[in-house]
Amino acid sequence: MTAAKPRIVCIVGATGVGKTDVALDVAERLNAEIVSADSMQVYRYMDIGTAKPTREQRRRVPHHLLDVVDPDEDFNAALFRRHALAAVAAIRARGRNVLVAGGTGLYLKALTRGLFEGPGRDEALRADLERAAAEHGAGHLFERLERVDPEAARRIERHDRVRIVRALEVHASTGRPLTEWQRAHGFDDRPFDVLGVALERPRAELYERIDQRCGEMLAAGLLDETRGLLERGYHAGLRSMQSVGYRQAVQCLTDRIGEDDTLAAMRQATRRLAKRQLTWFRADPDFHRLHPDPVGAIGELCARFLGKGPAELTESG
């Protein structure tokens, strides 16, 4: 008889939808620890612009995969999977439940369905693509990607040079789009029994929250945080510094763009990011798409999945 797979809960959604509050509430109800699946919260010194959980929130519930690498270090889905699998094993060894929370769909897929390594690297081709990115910008390569692999372009941030280069490299070296290779892979390495909850809000409501949060980030000191990163030697061309929020903050500091224009650019870029995230999660039929309120209903759904009845929930707080 095959042993039952470990059960984990994944709470996902677009930036600004309210994942942190829901994850904290559900984790407390279910005696769980949180594994962050956020491609930016892995970076040290980048707290405000990544909406990283606060010290108080981390005291409420232990978090994993925060502050893993410096902003100039490489981090990818393969590294995430390795760290996340170790974190899940350690949490379960302590007799606690696992709640994975975040908005980076590729990381979640790597953890729950395995990782597609893809064709080998073509160093000469990669070097040519990197030179083109340096000369013309990542946006130039992104436009090429839109022509040869529009499905990949819908999922990749326009300034994510690393992923754009990889997708173009695969297409140029094999004659097949990266997304075609991924579909053929099947992602059948499923080490866990997963309950997926995708949080959604009406678009106007989500955009209002995004606008408010961008304003709060600037008020909380995003420009000072970014200035500190630049002073530490983390240059504007780094993948981490090209992310939404920091890219606009760098432009404000170096190109003397006004704060009002910076805020408007942040809001627009964050909305675009949220739209890509929504597209990713809506394409996955395994997720329950739910509004974040009432959080109690989400907690009950997760409790049933984990086999915790009302009495057990009351006893565990």
Foldseek 3Di string as FASTA:
>chain_A
DDDAFAEAEEEEAAPLQPQLVLLLVLCLLQQEAEEEPEPQQLEPLQDLQRVHDDPVSCVSHPYPNGPNYHLQDDDDLVNLQVRVVVVCVVRVVVVGHYYYYYLQLSNVLCNFQNDDPADDFDVVLLVVLVVCCVVPNLLVLLVVCCVQPVVVSLQDQSRQNVVSSVQVRRCVVPVHGPVVSVVVVVSHPGRHDYAAAYADDPLVVSLVSLLVSLVVSVVVPLLVSLVVCVVVPNDCSGSSCCDQSNNLSVCCVPVVDDPVVSSVSSSVSSSSSNVSSVVSVVVDPNYHYYHCPPSVVVSVVVCVVNVHDPVNSVVSD
